[in-house]
Protein backbone atom coordinates (compact mmCIF):
# COMPACT_ATOMS: atom_id res chain seq x y z
CA MET A 1 0.01 0.00 0.00
CA THR A 2 1.20 3.51 -0.82
CA ASP A 3 1.93 5.62 2.26
CA VAL A 4 1.00 9.25 1.62
CA LEU A 5 1.54 12.22 3.89
CA ILE A 6 -0.52 15.33 3.15
CA LEU A 7 0.81 18.46 4.83
CA GLY A 8 -2.67 19.87 5.23
CA GLY A 9 -5.46 17.59 4.11
CA THR A 10 -8.30 19.33 5.91
CA GLY A 11 -8.76 22.33 3.59
CA TRP A 12 -10.67 22.61 0.36
CA LEU A 13 -7.96 21.57 -2.11
CA SER A 14 -5.82 19.48 0.22
CA GLY A 15 -8.90 17.61 1.40
CA ARG A 16 -9.76 16.78 -2.23
CA ILE A 17 -6.19 15.55 -2.73
CA ALA A 18 -6.42 13.38 0.37
CA HIS A 19 -9.76 11.98 -0.82
CA GLY A 20 -8.22 11.24 -4.22
CA TRP A 21 -5.40 9.29 -2.64
CA LEU A 22 -7.85 7.36 -0.48
CA GLU A 23 -9.85 6.41 -3.56
CA ALA A 24 -6.61 5.20 -5.13
CA GLY A 25 -6.17 2.82 -2.20
CA ALA A 26 -3.43 4.69 -0.37
CA ASP A 27 -2.84 4.87 3.37
CA VAL A 28 -3.24 8.62 3.97
CA THR A 29 -2.01 10.68 6.89
CA CYS A 30 -2.86 14.37 7.19
CA LEU A 31 -0.74 16.73 9.27
CA ALA A 32 -2.67 19.90 10.08
CA ARG A 33 -3.37 22.40 12.85
CA GLY A 34 -6.66 20.81 13.76
CA GLY A 35 -10.07 22.41 14.00
CA ARG A 36 -11.29 20.62 10.88
CA ALA A 37 -11.63 16.91 10.32
CA ALA A 38 -9.58 14.91 7.86
CA PRO A 39 -11.47 12.98 5.17
CA ASP A 40 -13.01 9.71 6.36
CA GLY A 41 -10.38 7.00 6.21
CA ALA A 42 -7.39 9.32 6.67
CA ALA A 43 -5.40 9.64 9.89
CA LEU A 44 -5.00 13.14 11.34
CA ILE A 45 -1.92 14.31 13.21
CA VAL A 46 -2.42 17.71 14.83
CA ALA A 47 0.70 19.86 14.61
CA ASP A 48 1.66 23.52 14.34
CA ARG A 49 4.10 24.01 11.46
CA ASP A 50 5.58 27.03 13.23
CA ALA A 51 6.69 24.77 16.09
CA PRO A 52 10.25 23.34 16.08
CA ASP A 53 8.90 19.80 16.58
CA ALA A 54 6.14 20.11 13.97
CA TYR A 55 7.16 16.95 12.11
CA ALA A 56 8.29 14.83 15.07
CA GLU A 57 5.41 12.37 14.74
CA VAL A 58 5.95 11.75 11.02
CA ALA A 59 9.74 11.99 10.66
CA HIS A 60 10.45 8.50 11.99
CA ARG A 61 9.05 6.63 8.98
CA GLU A 62 9.44 6.45 5.23
CA TRP A 63 6.83 8.00 2.93
CA ASP A 64 6.07 7.01 -0.62
CA HIS A 65 4.65 10.45 -1.33
CA VAL A 66 4.54 13.78 0.51
CA VAL A 67 2.19 16.52 -0.71
CA ASP A 68 2.47 20.13 0.48
CA VAL A 69 0.17 23.02 -0.39
CA SER A 70 1.50 25.69 1.97
CA SER A 71 1.89 29.32 0.92
CA ARG A 72 4.49 29.93 3.63
CA ALA A 73 8.02 29.43 2.35
CA ALA A 74 9.35 28.79 5.86
CA HIS A 75 6.85 25.97 6.32
CA VAL A 76 7.85 24.37 3.03
CA ALA A 77 11.58 24.69 3.71
CA GLY A 78 11.12 23.26 7.21
CA ALA A 79 9.19 20.28 5.87
CA VAL A 80 11.82 19.58 3.21
CA ALA A 81 14.56 19.73 5.85
CA ALA A 82 12.70 17.40 8.22
CA LEU A 83 11.20 14.93 5.76
CA GLY A 84 12.98 15.30 2.43
CA ASP A 85 15.24 12.29 2.93
CA ARG A 86 12.25 10.14 3.87
CA ALA A 87 10.07 10.81 0.84
CA ALA A 88 10.29 8.83 -2.40
CA GLN A 89 8.26 11.54 -4.15
CA TRP A 90 7.38 15.10 -3.16
CA THR A 91 4.62 17.16 -4.74
CA TYR A 92 4.38 20.87 -4.06
CA VAL A 93 1.30 22.82 -5.10
CA SER A 94 2.57 26.25 -6.09
CA SER A 95 0.72 28.83 -8.20
CA MET A 96 0.90 30.53 -11.58
CA SER A 97 1.21 33.73 -9.53
CA VAL A 98 4.94 32.97 -9.41
CA TYR A 99 5.34 34.38 -12.93
CA ALA A 100 6.62 37.94 -13.21
CA ASP A 101 5.30 38.50 -16.73
CA ASP A 102 1.53 38.91 -16.79
CA MET A 103 1.42 40.52 -20.23
CA THR A 104 2.66 37.81 -22.61
CA ALA A 105 -0.15 35.59 -23.89
CA GLY A 106 0.42 31.85 -24.02
CA ALA A 107 3.57 31.84 -21.86
CA ASP A 108 4.75 28.43 -20.67
CA GLU A 109 6.70 27.16 -17.67
CA SER A 110 9.94 28.79 -18.86
CA ALA A 111 8.56 32.30 -18.19
CA PRO A 112 10.52 34.34 -15.62
CA ARG A 113 9.41 34.21 -12.00
CA HIS A 114 9.23 36.87 -9.34
CA ALA A 115 12.14 37.20 -6.94
CA PRO A 116 11.80 34.82 -3.98
CA ALA A 117 11.08 35.98 -0.44
CA ARG A 118 14.28 36.04 1.60
CA ASP A 119 15.12 35.79 5.32
CA GLY A 120 11.61 36.24 6.63
CA GLN A 121 10.91 39.20 4.37
CA GLY A 122 7.83 39.46 2.18
CA GLU A 123 5.60 37.37 4.43
CA ASP A 124 2.53 38.96 2.88
CA ASP A 125 3.82 38.65 -0.69
CA TYR A 126 2.03 35.54 -1.97
CA ALA A 127 4.03 35.28 -5.20
CA ALA A 128 7.42 35.74 -3.50
CA GLN A 129 6.51 33.16 -0.85
CA LYS A 130 5.51 30.61 -3.50
CA VAL A 131 8.74 31.21 -5.45
CA ALA A 132 10.85 30.69 -2.34
CA ALA A 133 8.88 27.55 -1.53
CA GLU A 134 9.49 26.21 -5.04
CA ASP A 135 13.21 26.82 -4.57
CA ALA A 136 13.18 24.83 -1.33
CA VAL A 137 11.46 21.89 -3.03
CA ALA A 138 13.91 22.06 -5.96
CA ALA A 139 16.60 20.79 -3.58
CA LEU A 140 14.93 17.37 -3.80
CA GLY A 141 15.87 17.13 -7.46
CA ALA A 142 14.32 14.37 -9.55
CA ARG A 143 11.98 13.26 -6.75
CA ALA A 144 9.96 16.47 -6.85
CA LEU A 145 7.02 17.80 -8.81
CA VAL A 146 6.00 21.46 -8.67
CA ALA A 147 2.47 22.03 -9.94
CA ARG A 148 1.40 25.59 -10.70
CA PRO A 149 -2.38 25.84 -10.82
CA GLY A 150 -4.17 28.97 -11.86
CA LEU A 151 -7.70 29.75 -10.68
CA ILE A 152 -9.10 26.62 -9.02
CA VAL A 153 -12.89 26.35 -9.18
CA GLY A 154 -15.66 23.99 -8.15
CA ASP A 155 -18.22 23.32 -5.46
CA GLY A 156 -17.22 24.46 -2.00
CA ASP A 157 -14.70 27.00 -3.27
CA PRO A 158 -13.92 29.25 -0.26
CA SER A 159 -12.58 32.09 -2.43
CA ASP A 160 -16.03 32.75 -4.00
CA ARG A 161 -14.48 34.04 -7.22
CA PHE A 162 -15.99 31.74 -9.82
CA GLY A 163 -19.04 31.04 -7.66
CA TYR A 164 -19.84 34.75 -7.51
CA TRP A 165 -21.07 34.69 -11.10
CA ALA A 166 -23.35 31.74 -10.46
CA ALA A 167 -24.79 33.58 -7.46
CA ALA A 168 -25.11 36.87 -9.37
CA PHE A 169 -27.20 35.33 -12.13
CA LEU A 170 -29.26 33.19 -9.74
CA ARG A 171 -30.15 36.00 -7.35
CA ALA A 172 -31.03 38.46 -10.13
CA ALA A 173 -33.67 36.15 -11.65
CA ASP A 174 -35.12 38.41 -14.38
CA GLY A 175 -33.30 41.52 -13.15
CA PRO A 176 -30.10 43.06 -14.55
CA VAL A 177 -26.60 41.75 -13.85
CA LEU A 178 -23.50 43.96 -13.94
CA LEU A 179 -20.63 42.69 -16.10
CA PRO A 180 -17.09 44.00 -16.51
CA PRO A 181 -15.62 44.83 -19.94
CA LEU A 182 -15.43 41.63 -21.99
CA ASP A 183 -13.66 42.52 -25.24
CA GLY A 184 -10.28 40.81 -25.37
CA LYS A 185 -10.70 39.34 -21.89
CA THR A 186 -10.11 35.68 -21.15
CA ALA A 187 -10.88 33.26 -18.35
CA GLN A 188 -8.76 30.22 -17.51
CA VAL A 189 -9.70 27.85 -14.70
CA ILE A 190 -9.19 24.30 -13.50
CA ASP A 191 -11.76 22.15 -11.75
CA VAL A 192 -10.60 21.28 -8.23
CA ASP A 193 -11.26 17.60 -8.84
CA ASP A 194 -9.26 17.57 -12.08
CA LEU A 195 -6.35 19.17 -10.24
CA ALA A 196 -6.58 16.72 -7.34
CA ALA A 197 -6.67 13.76 -9.74
CA PHE A 198 -3.58 15.04 -11.54
CA LEU A 199 -1.66 15.49 -8.28
CA VAL A 200 -2.43 11.91 -7.30
CA THR A 201 -1.22 10.39 -10.56
CA ALA A 202 1.50 12.74 -11.85
CA SER A 203 5.14 11.67 -11.82
CA PRO A 204 8.03 13.87 -10.73
CA GLY A 205 9.51 16.17 -13.32
CA SER A 206 9.82 19.77 -14.35
CA PRO A 207 7.25 22.32 -13.09
CA VAL A 208 3.89 22.22 -14.83
CA ASN A 209 1.09 24.75 -15.28
CA ALA A 210 -1.98 22.89 -14.02
CA ILE A 211 -4.73 24.83 -15.70
CA GLY A 212 -7.54 24.55 -18.21
CA ASP A 213 -7.90 26.09 -21.63
CA ALA A 214 -8.10 29.85 -22.02
CA ARG A 215 -11.59 30.92 -23.13
CA PRO A 216 -13.18 34.29 -23.89
CA LEU A 217 -14.52 35.67 -20.63
CA GLY A 218 -17.81 36.55 -22.33
CA GLU A 219 -18.33 32.94 -23.36
CA VAL A 220 -17.68 31.68 -19.84
CA LEU A 221 -20.08 34.14 -18.23
CA ALA A 222 -22.69 33.37 -20.90
CA ALA A 223 -22.41 29.67 -20.04
CA VAL A 224 -22.89 30.40 -16.34
CA ARG A 225 -25.88 32.61 -17.19
CA ARG A 226 -27.55 29.87 -19.25
CA ALA A 227 -27.02 27.30 -16.52
CA ALA A 228 -28.50 29.66 -13.93
CA GLY A 229 -31.55 30.34 -16.11
CA HIS A 230 -31.07 34.09 -15.95
CA GLU A 231 -33.50 35.97 -18.22
CA GLY A 232 -32.75 39.56 -17.33
CA ALA A 233 -30.45 42.06 -19.00
CA THR A 234 -26.69 42.04 -18.74
CA VAL A 235 -25.02 45.42 -18.41
CA ILE A 236 -21.40 45.78 -19.49
CA ALA A 237 -19.84 48.70 -17.66
CA ASP A 238 -16.91 50.79 -18.81
CA ALA A 239 -13.72 50.09 -16.85
CA ASP A 240 -13.23 53.72 -15.84
CA ARG A 241 -16.76 53.90 -14.47
CA LEU A 242 -16.28 50.73 -12.45
CA VAL A 243 -13.03 52.04 -11.00
CA ALA A 244 -14.72 55.36 -10.19
CA GLN A 245 -17.34 53.40 -8.23
CA GLY A 246 -14.61 51.68 -6.23
CA VAL A 247 -15.08 48.28 -7.85
CA GLU A 248 -11.98 46.10 -7.41
CA TYR A 249 -10.39 43.73 -9.91
CA TRP A 250 -10.20 39.95 -9.61
CA MET A 251 -11.09 39.11 -6.01
CA GLY A 252 -12.03 40.31 -2.57
CA PRO A 253 -14.90 42.41 -1.26
CA HIS A 254 -16.50 44.94 -3.63
CA SER A 255 -14.95 43.27 -6.68
CA LEU A 256 -16.02 41.83 -10.00
CA PRO A 257 -14.20 38.49 -9.93
CA LEU A 258 -12.26 37.34 -13.02
CA TRP A 259 -11.97 40.96 -14.24
CA LEU A 260 -8.32 41.90 -14.73
CA PRO A 261 -6.59 45.22 -15.46
CA GLU A 262 -5.12 45.88 -18.89
CA GLU A 263 -1.57 45.21 -17.73
CA MET A 264 -2.50 41.57 -16.98
CA THR A 265 -3.64 40.53 -20.44
CA GLY A 266 -1.58 37.33 -20.32
CA PHE A 267 -2.49 36.23 -16.80
CA MET A 268 -5.31 33.91 -17.85
CA THR A 269 -3.79 32.69 -21.11
CA ARG A 270 -0.95 30.47 -19.87
CA SER A 271 0.04 27.39 -21.84
CA ASN A 272 -1.30 24.11 -20.48
CA ALA A 273 0.45 21.94 -23.07
CA ALA A 274 2.73 20.35 -20.47
CA TYR A 275 -0.22 19.55 -18.21
CA ARG A 276 -2.00 17.75 -21.03
CA ALA A 277 1.17 15.95 -22.16
CA ARG A 278 1.68 14.62 -18.64
CA GLY A 279 -1.78 13.14 -18.39
CA GLY A 280 -3.75 16.04 -16.97
CA ALA A 281 -7.47 15.72 -17.71
CA LEU A 282 -9.99 18.52 -18.16
CA ARG A 283 -13.68 17.84 -17.76
CA PRO A 284 -16.21 19.88 -19.78
CA LEU A 285 -16.61 23.37 -18.32
CA ALA A 286 -20.38 22.86 -18.35
CA ASP A 287 -20.02 20.05 -15.81
CA THR A 288 -18.07 22.31 -13.45
CA ILE A 289 -20.57 25.13 -13.88
CA ALA A 290 -23.48 22.80 -13.07
CA ARG A 291 -21.81 21.75 -9.81
CA VAL A 292 -21.08 25.36 -8.90
CA ILE A 293 -24.70 26.37 -9.62
CA ASP A 294 -25.99 23.61 -7.32
CA ASP A 295 -23.46 24.53 -4.65
CA GLU A 296 -24.38 28.22 -4.70
CA ARG A 297 -28.05 27.36 -4.41
CA ALA A 298 -27.28 25.12 -1.42
CA ARG A 299 -25.01 27.62 0.35
CA GLY A 300 -27.22 30.61 -0.38
CA VAL A 301 -26.74 33.21 -3.10
CA ASP A 302 -27.15 36.11 -0.67
CA ARG A 303 -24.72 34.82 1.94
CA GLU A 304 -21.70 36.84 3.04
CA ARG A 305 -18.97 36.31 0.46
CA ARG A 306 -15.20 36.69 0.26
CA ALA A 307 -15.38 38.04 -3.29
CA GLY A 308 -17.84 40.01 -5.37
CA LEU A 309 -20.60 42.52 -4.80
CA THR A 310 -23.69 42.23 -2.68
CA ARG A 311 -26.90 42.60 -4.66
CA ALA A 312 -27.45 46.01 -3.06
CA GLU A 313 -23.99 47.15 -4.14
CA GLU A 314 -24.52 45.78 -7.62
CA LEU A 315 -27.82 47.62 -8.07
CA ARG A 316 -26.30 50.88 -6.81
CA ILE A 317 -23.39 50.59 -9.25
CA LEU A 318 -25.73 49.64 -12.09
CA ALA A 319 -27.65 52.85 -11.51
CA ALA A 320 -24.43 54.85 -11.46
CA VAL A 321 -22.80 53.41 -14.60
CA THR A 322 -25.86 53.03 -16.84
CA GLU A 323 -26.79 55.91 -19.06
CA GLY A 324 -30.04 54.93 -20.70
CA PRO A 325 -30.65 51.74 -22.70
CA ALA A 326 -27.27 51.89 -24.46
CA GLY A 327 -25.64 50.22 -21.46
CA ALA A 328 -27.79 47.11 -21.64
CA ARG A 329 -27.66 44.22 -24.03
């Protein structure tokens, strides 16, 4: 039986990875801070990765596979130091945020990265932390795999970015929905279960962009709208007007998720050729959207969210940016 150690295993993605390994017949151990349960069938070891003895309970045995998803470079480096010589394979889940060039369309894994975080600096710099973590894992050489996912989507997504659009169309019913500029904009996502499946089966090798195909943002939002059964108008707002109303790009409160500034035209167009060549599967986007629609209905479209606009905010901004019928389509 394959012995797998998940550094995490109780969160959204890491829990899916643990579940994937369990389905593959592995003996799975999750090392996490506690507070949330590990998937049924997995053992849970409660440990604080900031503690000097964080890995004491798992460092005495050999592991066929160690998986780490941390965004803290110090955690990743500490795990490699404590467990690296006991792991036959090591998978680190990084991010496509490591890339410094967000303008070039279709860039692959050879694109330049940001500078790594150094000596405890840049603790709040997600990209720099991920780069430094990748560098720590690189010390394991041919035993390591660094996967760089882009926007991960699916049911239960705690970031609310993709799910916001399902909720926006569902809650509006036959009312208007505010959209960002769509011309020339793309969306590129990966289903959480496709990513988890890849991480369970992928062999060590060079870093790989784990992401789906780049699609026109308008087509993606139209597909979500159809699945939600929305029959109202869609209103595409000018970027300057959205900014003037305090609407944020990409994520977080008071944002229009998936909307990117002009200087990030290549961010959601990365090459996924290596992912496909190494066995990465991509389910139809419609299947993912259907799951997200059901999930948003179950969790509540008007719940407090980590990304997007409330309906009240959306209606206020719609009134501010619309000048007669020319704004609607």
